[in-house]
Amino acid sequence: MLRINMAAEAAAVRLFAGQQAVLGDRPDVAYMKEQEGAYLNHLQALAPGYRARPSLFGPLCSAAGYAVGAASAVLPRNLAASVTGAVQDALSEEYTDQLRQLHTDRLAAEVGPLRDALRQLRDHERAPDDGVKAPDIFALQRPQDLSMEQGMAALVKYTFKGLFTLAGRA
């Protein structure tokens, strides 16, 4: 779990770094990058206690985050918000799934600091208010009914979910 989380948070940090590279030092982007960096540092501090190492796919997740961040910075505001919202969806779902797994495996009490970190990460708001939520699997079966924003959000969300899965395997 920590391997995935460190790769995911590194991707989020780099997403905002990519936006900063294009948009300059906007306070809102700098704030979000700093917040994500603090979460990444916290996870890295927890890792030795759980004998977790960084994922071999961490650099790929970071590069993808940077590229998506830079690309989203040049998109119209509605599409950029959809991209940021999609990354938020992917992160929130990953943390929710991990918390559920801890409870299913009856490990939640044993890994208190990790559980607390997952809750904090899951509940952290990353998406802009005007971001479009990525469509669910049923809506994806009718791509002709999706708006441009929904299509973009789905593409980004499921790409990052795939990257997070890879990060957990190596």
Protein backbone atom coordinates (compact mmCIF):
# COMPACT_ATOMS: atom_id res chain seq x y z
CA MET A 1 0.00 0.00 0.00
CA LEU A 2 2.73 2.47 0.91
CA ARG A 3 4.51 1.76 -2.37
CA ILE A 4 1.37 2.75 -4.27
CA ASN A 5 0.74 5.76 -2.03
CA MET A 6 4.23 7.17 -2.39
CA ALA A 7 4.03 6.83 -6.19
CA ALA A 8 0.55 8.38 -6.21
CA GLU A 9 1.53 11.35 -4.06
CA ALA A 10 4.71 11.86 -6.10
CA ALA A 11 2.48 12.00 -9.20
CA ALA A 12 0.28 14.61 -7.50
CA VAL A 13 3.30 16.71 -6.52
CA ARG A 14 4.63 16.55 -10.07
CA LEU A 15 1.18 17.36 -11.51
CA PHE A 16 1.28 20.69 -9.73
CA ALA A 17 4.95 21.16 -10.65
CA GLY A 18 3.95 20.73 -14.31
CA GLN A 19 1.21 23.32 -13.89
CA GLN A 20 3.69 25.66 -12.23
CA ALA A 21 6.14 25.26 -15.10
CA VAL A 22 3.51 26.54 -17.52
CA LEU A 23 1.53 28.97 -15.36
CA GLY A 24 4.36 30.42 -13.30
CA ASP A 25 4.32 30.85 -9.55
CA ARG A 26 0.58 31.10 -8.95
CA PRO A 27 -0.14 30.95 -5.21
CA ASP A 28 -2.94 28.39 -5.56
CA VAL A 29 -0.80 25.96 -7.55
CA ALA A 30 2.18 26.47 -5.24
CA TYR A 31 -0.04 25.81 -2.22
CA MET A 32 -1.40 22.57 -3.68
CA LYS A 33 2.09 21.41 -4.63
CA GLU A 34 3.32 22.14 -1.10
CA GLN A 35 0.39 20.26 0.46
CA GLU A 36 0.97 17.20 -1.71
CA GLY A 37 4.69 17.38 -0.90
CA ALA A 38 3.91 17.31 2.81
CA TYR A 39 1.75 14.21 2.33
CA LEU A 40 4.51 12.55 0.32
CA ASN A 41 7.07 13.33 3.04
CA HIS A 42 4.74 11.87 5.68
CA LEU A 43 4.36 8.64 3.70
CA GLN A 44 8.10 8.43 3.15
CA ALA A 45 8.60 8.79 6.91
CA LEU A 46 6.16 5.91 7.55
CA ALA A 47 7.75 3.60 4.96
CA PRO A 48 10.73 2.30 7.01
CA GLY A 49 8.44 1.30 9.88
CA TYR A 50 6.48 -0.93 7.52
CA ARG A 51 9.57 -2.05 5.60
CA ALA A 52 8.20 -0.53 2.41
CA ARG A 53 10.40 0.65 -0.41
CA PRO A 54 9.52 3.07 -3.19
CA SER A 55 7.98 1.57 -6.29
CA LEU A 56 10.13 0.95 -9.33
CA PHE A 57 7.31 2.62 -11.26
CA GLY A 58 7.46 5.75 -9.07
CA PRO A 59 9.49 7.69 -11.66
CA LEU A 60 6.94 6.78 -14.34
CA CYS A 61 4.10 8.02 -12.13
CA SER A 62 6.03 11.23 -11.44
CA ALA A 63 6.71 11.80 -15.14
CA ALA A 64 3.06 11.16 -16.00
CA GLY A 65 1.95 13.59 -13.30
CA TYR A 66 4.26 16.29 -14.63
CA ALA A 67 3.20 15.77 -18.23
CA VAL A 68 -0.51 15.81 -17.35
CA GLY A 69 -0.03 18.89 -15.17
CA ALA A 70 1.79 20.81 -17.88
CA ALA A 71 -0.73 19.76 -20.52
CA SER A 72 -3.70 20.66 -18.32
CA ALA A 73 -2.27 24.14 -17.73
CA VAL A 74 -2.73 25.01 -21.40
CA LEU A 75 -6.25 23.57 -21.66
CA PRO A 76 -9.38 25.66 -21.25
CA ARG A 77 -10.39 26.02 -17.61
CA ASN A 78 -13.25 23.50 -17.77
CA LEU A 79 -11.01 20.77 -19.22
CA ALA A 80 -8.15 21.60 -16.84
CA ALA A 81 -10.54 21.29 -13.90
CA SER A 82 -11.70 17.93 -15.25
CA VAL A 83 -8.11 16.69 -15.38
CA THR A 84 -7.34 17.77 -11.83
CA GLY A 85 -10.64 16.32 -10.66
CA ALA A 86 -9.89 13.01 -12.36
CA VAL A 87 -6.57 12.69 -10.56
CA GLN A 88 -8.41 13.48 -7.31
CA ASP A 89 -10.94 10.74 -8.08
CA ALA A 90 -8.19 8.21 -8.77
CA LEU A 91 -6.37 9.08 -5.54
CA SER A 92 -9.51 9.08 -3.38
CA GLU A 93 -10.69 5.75 -4.75
CA GLU A 94 -7.27 4.20 -4.19
CA TYR A 95 -7.17 5.33 -0.56
CA THR A 96 -10.77 4.22 0.03
CA ASP A 97 -10.00 0.79 -1.42
CA GLN A 98 -6.94 0.48 0.80
CA LEU A 99 -8.88 1.43 3.92
CA ARG A 100 -11.53 -1.12 3.03
CA GLN A 101 -8.84 -3.76 2.55
CA LEU A 102 -7.31 -3.01 5.95
CA HIS A 103 -10.71 -3.51 7.59
CA THR A 104 -11.45 -6.67 5.59
CA ASP A 105 -8.08 -8.14 6.58
CA ARG A 106 -8.64 -7.01 10.19
CA LEU A 107 -5.40 -5.06 10.17
CA ALA A 108 -6.77 -1.57 10.77
CA ALA A 109 -5.95 -1.58 14.50
CA GLU A 110 -2.44 -2.96 13.93
CA VAL A 111 -1.45 -0.29 11.44
CA GLY A 112 -2.93 2.77 13.13
CA PRO A 113 -0.51 5.37 11.74
CA LEU A 114 -0.96 4.07 8.20
CA ARG A 115 -4.75 3.96 8.58
CA ASP A 116 -4.75 7.53 9.88
CA ALA A 117 -2.59 8.68 6.97
CA LEU A 118 -4.92 6.96 4.48
CA ARG A 119 -7.96 8.65 6.00
CA GLN A 120 -6.27 12.03 5.81
CA LEU A 121 -5.23 11.46 2.21
CA ARG A 122 -8.66 10.19 1.21
CA ASP A 123 -10.43 13.16 2.77
CA HIS A 124 -8.07 15.80 1.41
CA GLU A 125 -9.76 17.95 -1.22
CA ARG A 126 -7.62 18.30 -4.33
CA ALA A 127 -10.12 18.92 -7.08
CA PRO A 128 -11.35 22.36 -8.09
CA ASP A 129 -15.01 23.05 -7.37
CA ASP A 130 -15.82 23.26 -11.06
CA GLY A 131 -14.19 19.92 -11.91
CA VAL A 132 -16.28 17.31 -13.67
CA LYS A 133 -16.41 13.93 -11.96
CA ALA A 134 -15.15 11.08 -14.10
CA PRO A 135 -18.02 8.91 -15.38
CA ASP A 136 -18.65 5.46 -13.93
CA ILE A 137 -18.27 2.21 -15.82
CA PHE A 138 -21.89 2.26 -17.03
CA ALA A 139 -21.53 5.70 -18.57
CA LEU A 140 -18.32 4.61 -20.30
CA GLN A 141 -20.34 1.99 -22.16
CA ARG A 142 -22.05 4.86 -24.01
CA PRO A 143 -19.11 7.06 -25.04
CA GLN A 144 -21.27 8.99 -27.49
CA ASP A 145 -23.21 10.41 -24.52
CA LEU A 146 -20.12 11.77 -22.74
CA SER A 147 -19.17 15.43 -22.80
CA MET A 148 -15.61 16.44 -23.67
CA GLU A 149 -14.96 17.11 -19.98
CA GLN A 150 -16.27 13.70 -18.94
CA GLY A 151 -14.22 11.95 -21.61
CA MET A 152 -11.07 13.77 -20.55
CA ALA A 153 -11.75 13.00 -16.89
CA ALA A 154 -12.29 9.30 -17.64
CA LEU A 155 -9.11 9.04 -19.69
CA VAL A 156 -6.98 10.68 -16.99
CA LYS A 157 -8.60 8.87 -14.06
CA TYR A 158 -8.27 5.37 -15.47
CA THR A 159 -4.76 6.03 -16.75
CA PHE A 160 -3.65 7.03 -13.26
CA LYS A 161 -5.49 4.10 -11.67
CA GLY A 162 -3.55 1.81 -14.01
CA LEU A 163 -0.29 3.50 -13.07
CA PHE A 164 -1.07 3.08 -9.38
CA THR A 165 -1.74 -0.63 -9.95
CA LEU A 166 1.64 -0.96 -11.67
CA ALA A 167 3.32 0.91 -8.84
CA GLY A 168 2.01 -1.63 -6.36
CA ARG A 169 3.46 -4.55 -8.27
CA ALA A 170 7.10 -3.52 -8.41
